[in-house]
Amino acid sequence: MFPDNSKPFRVVCDASDFAIGCALMQFDDTGRERVVSYQ
């Protein structure tokens, strides 16, 4: 999904003893939460 700058974003992060990860999320036009980017 391509980001839509007119809609809000949500950052989701998680960490463990092994790794750290995060995702940039955004709701699409149907109301489903989609990943825009992750690392």
PDB file of N, CA and C in Angstrom:
ATOM      1  N   MET A   1       0.839  -1.173   0.000  1.00  0.00           N
ATOM      2  CA  MET A   1       0.000   0.000   0.000  1.00  0.00           C
ATOM      3  C   MET A   1       0.887   1.240   0.000  1.00  0.00           C
ATOM      4  N   PHE A   2       0.513   2.226  -0.781  1.00  0.00           N
ATOM      5  CA  PHE A   2       1.228   3.495  -0.787  1.00  0.00           C
ATOM      6  C   PHE A   2       0.664   4.396   0.309  1.00  0.00           C
ATOM      7  N   PRO A   3       1.504   5.178   0.983  1.00  0.00           N
ATOM      8  CA  PRO A   3       1.008   6.041   2.049  1.00  0.00           C
ATOM      9  C   PRO A   3       0.108   7.149   1.510  1.00  0.00           C
ATOM     10  N   ASP A   4      -0.890   7.512   2.302  1.00  0.00           N
ATOM     11  CA  ASP A   4      -1.799   8.610   1.986  1.00  0.00           C
ATOM     12  C   ASP A   4      -1.595   9.670   3.059  1.00  0.00           C
ATOM     13  N   ASN A   5      -0.951  10.771   2.702  1.00  0.00           N
ATOM     14  CA  ASN A   5      -0.606  11.800   3.683  1.00  0.00           C
ATOM     15  C   ASN A   5      -1.815  12.531   4.248  1.00  0.00           C
ATOM     16  N   SER A   6      -2.995  12.337   3.664  1.00  0.00           N
ATOM     17  CA  SER A   6      -4.196  12.982   4.196  1.00  0.00           C
ATOM     18  C   SER A   6      -4.837  12.161   5.315  1.00  0.00           C
ATOM     19  N   LYS A   7      -4.334  10.946   5.572  1.00  0.00           N
ATOM     20  CA  LYS A   7      -4.864  10.078   6.626  1.00  0.00           C
ATOM     21  C   LYS A   7      -3.825   9.917   7.730  1.00  0.00           C
ATOM     22  N   PRO A   8      -4.282   9.657   8.965  1.00  0.00           N
ATOM     23  CA  PRO A   8      -3.317   9.472  10.061  1.00  0.00           C
ATOM     24  C   PRO A   8      -2.541   8.163   9.937  1.00  0.00           C
ATOM     25  N   PHE A   9      -1.341   8.161  10.501  1.00  0.00           N
ATOM     26  CA  PHE A   9      -0.485   6.979  10.550  1.00  0.00           C
ATOM     27  C   PHE A   9      -0.458   6.451  11.975  1.00  0.00           C
ATOM     28  N   ARG A  10      -0.076   5.182  12.125  1.00  0.00           N
ATOM     29  CA  ARG A  10       0.106   4.577  13.441  1.00  0.00           C
ATOM     30  C   ARG A  10       1.429   3.829  13.416  1.00  0.00           C
ATOM     31  N   VAL A  11       2.246   4.011  14.453  1.00  0.00           N
ATOM     32  CA  VAL A  11       3.517   3.315  14.572  1.00  0.00           C
ATOM     33  C   VAL A  11       3.349   2.198  15.595  1.00  0.00           C
ATOM     34  N   VAL A  12       3.702   0.978  15.199  1.00  0.00           N
ATOM     35  CA  VAL A  12       3.617  -0.188  16.070  1.00  0.00           C
ATOM     36  C   VAL A  12       5.033  -0.711  16.271  1.00  0.00           C
ATOM     37  N   CYS A  13       5.443  -0.862  17.531  1.00  0.00           N
ATOM     38  CA  CYS A  13       6.794  -1.334  17.842  1.00  0.00           C
ATOM     39  C   CYS A  13       6.733  -2.542  18.762  1.00  0.00           C
ATOM     40  N   ASP A  14       7.753  -3.384  18.682  1.00  0.00           N
ATOM     41  CA  ASP A  14       7.867  -4.542  19.554  1.00  0.00           C
ATOM     42  C   ASP A  14       9.349  -4.838  19.743  1.00  0.00           C
ATOM     43  N   ALA A  15       9.678  -5.368  20.899  1.00  0.00           N
ATOM     44  CA  ALA A  15      11.072  -5.698  21.192  1.00  0.00           C
ATOM     45  C   ALA A  15      11.135  -6.974  22.013  1.00  0.00           C
ATOM     46  N   SER A  16      12.239  -7.675  21.862  1.00  0.00           N
ATOM     47  CA  SER A  16      12.500  -8.870  22.660  1.00  0.00           C
ATOM     48  C   SER A  16      13.982  -8.870  23.016  1.00  0.00           C
ATOM     49  N   ASP A  17      14.446  -9.935  23.627  1.00  0.00           N
ATOM     50  CA  ASP A  17      15.877 -10.049  23.925  1.00  0.00           C
ATOM     51  C   ASP A  17      16.698 -10.250  22.656  1.00  0.00           C
ATOM     52  N   PHE A  18      16.029 -10.558  21.553  1.00  0.00           N
ATOM     53  CA  PHE A  18      16.702 -10.898  20.310  1.00  0.00           C
ATOM     54  C   PHE A  18      16.678  -9.770  19.282  1.00  0.00           C
ATOM     55  N   ALA A  19      15.564  -9.026  19.194  1.00  0.00           N
ATOM     56  CA  ALA A  19      15.434  -8.041  18.115  1.00  0.00           C
ATOM     57  C   ALA A  19      14.453  -6.935  18.496  1.00  0.00           C
ATOM     58  N   ILE A  20      14.478  -5.870  17.689  1.00  0.00           N
ATOM     59  CA  ILE A  20      13.532  -4.762  17.801  1.00  0.00           C
ATOM     60  C   ILE A  20      12.920  -4.571  16.418  1.00  0.00           C
ATOM     61  N   GLY A  21      11.617  -4.361  16.371  1.00  0.00           N
ATOM     62  CA  GLY A  21      10.959  -4.154  15.088  1.00  0.00           C
ATOM     63  C   GLY A  21       9.881  -3.097  15.203  1.00  0.00           C
ATOM     64  N   CYS A  22       9.543  -2.491  14.066  1.00  0.00           N
ATOM     65  CA  CYS A  22       8.463  -1.508  14.057  1.00  0.00           C
ATOM     66  C   CYS A  22       7.811  -1.500  12.679  1.00  0.00           C
ATOM     67  N   ALA A  23       6.569  -1.028  12.660  1.00  0.00           N
ATOM     68  CA  ALA A  23       5.820  -0.943  11.408  1.00  0.00           C
ATOM     69  C   ALA A  23       5.047   0.364  11.385  1.00  0.00           C
ATOM     70  N   LEU A  24       4.965   0.965  10.218  1.00  0.00           N
ATOM     71  CA  LEU A  24       4.150   2.147   9.993  1.00  0.00           C
ATOM     72  C   LEU A  24       2.851   1.663   9.370  1.00  0.00           C
ATOM     73  N   MET A  25       1.731   1.898  10.057  1.00  0.00           N
ATOM     74  CA  MET A  25       0.437   1.369   9.641  1.00  0.00           C
ATOM     75  C   MET A  25      -0.496   2.506   9.235  1.00  0.00           C
ATOM     76  N   GLN A  26      -1.485   2.153   8.385  1.00  0.00           N
ATOM     77  CA  GLN A  26      -2.491   3.117   7.977  1.00  0.00           C
ATOM     78  C   GLN A  26      -3.732   2.351   7.538  1.00  0.00           C
ATOM     79  N   PHE A  27      -4.916   2.912   7.820  1.00  0.00           N
ATOM     80  CA  PHE A  27      -6.158   2.278   7.393  1.00  0.00           C
ATOM     81  C   PHE A  27      -6.416   2.582   5.923  1.00  0.00           C
ATOM     82  N   ASP A  28      -6.847   1.547   5.169  1.00  0.00           N
ATOM     83  CA  ASP A  28      -7.175   1.757   3.759  1.00  0.00           C
ATOM     84  C   ASP A  28      -8.623   2.236   3.635  1.00  0.00           C
ATOM     85  N   ASP A  29      -9.109   2.356   2.405  1.00  0.00           N
ATOM     86  CA  ASP A  29     -10.453   2.882   2.156  1.00  0.00           C
ATOM     87  C   ASP A  29     -11.557   1.956   2.644  1.00  0.00           C
ATOM     88  N   THR A  30     -11.250   0.671   2.843  1.00  0.00           N
ATOM     89  CA  THR A  30     -12.260  -0.273   3.328  1.00  0.00           C
ATOM     90  C   THR A  30     -12.219  -0.426   4.844  1.00  0.00           C
ATOM     91  N   GLY A  31     -11.300   0.273   5.521  1.00  0.00           N
ATOM     92  CA  GLY A  31     -11.217   0.218   6.971  1.00  0.00           C
ATOM     93  C   GLY A  31     -10.256  -0.814   7.519  1.00  0.00           C
ATOM     94  N   ARG A  32      -9.542  -1.518   6.638  1.00  0.00           N
ATOM     95  CA  ARG A  32      -8.557  -2.508   7.096  1.00  0.00           C
ATOM     96  C   ARG A  32      -7.227  -1.816   7.348  1.00  0.00           C
ATOM     97  N   GLU A  33      -6.572  -2.213   8.441  1.00  0.00           N
ATOM     98  CA  GLU A  33      -5.266  -1.642   8.760  1.00  0.00           C
ATOM     99  C   GLU A  33      -4.205  -2.320   7.903  1.00  0.00           C
ATOM    100  N   ARG A  34      -3.404  -1.527   7.226  1.00  0.00           N
ATOM    101  CA  ARG A  34      -2.384  -2.039   6.305  1.00  0.00           C
ATOM    102  C   ARG A  34      -1.001  -1.543   6.701  1.00  0.00           C
ATOM    103  N   VAL A  35      -0.005  -2.337   6.370  1.00  0.00           N
ATOM    104  CA  VAL A  35       1.391  -1.955   6.606  1.00  0.00           C
ATOM    105  C   VAL A  35       1.854  -1.071   5.459  1.00  0.00           C
ATOM    106  N   VAL A  36       2.374   0.094   5.796  1.00  0.00           N
ATOM    107  CA  VAL A  36       2.950   0.995   4.799  1.00  0.00           C
ATOM    108  C   VAL A  36       4.443   0.728   4.677  1.00  0.00           C
ATOM    109  N   SER A  37       5.094   0.509   5.833  1.00  0.00           N
ATOM    110  CA  SER A  37       6.525   0.236   5.858  1.00  0.00           C
ATOM    111  C   SER A  37       6.853  -0.510   7.142  1.00  0.00           C
ATOM    112  N   TYR A  38       7.914  -1.315   7.111  1.00  0.00           N
ATOM    113  CA  TYR A  38       8.347  -2.012   8.322  1.00  0.00           C
ATOM    114  C   TYR A  38       9.856  -2.143   8.328  1.00  0.00           C
ATOM    115  N   GLN A  39      10.384  -2.350   9.529  1.00  0.00           N
ATOM    116  CA  GLN A  39      11.829  -2.526   9.672  1.00  0.00           C
ATOM    117  C   GLN A  39      12.104  -3.461  10.810  1.00  0.00           C
TER     118      GLN A  39
END
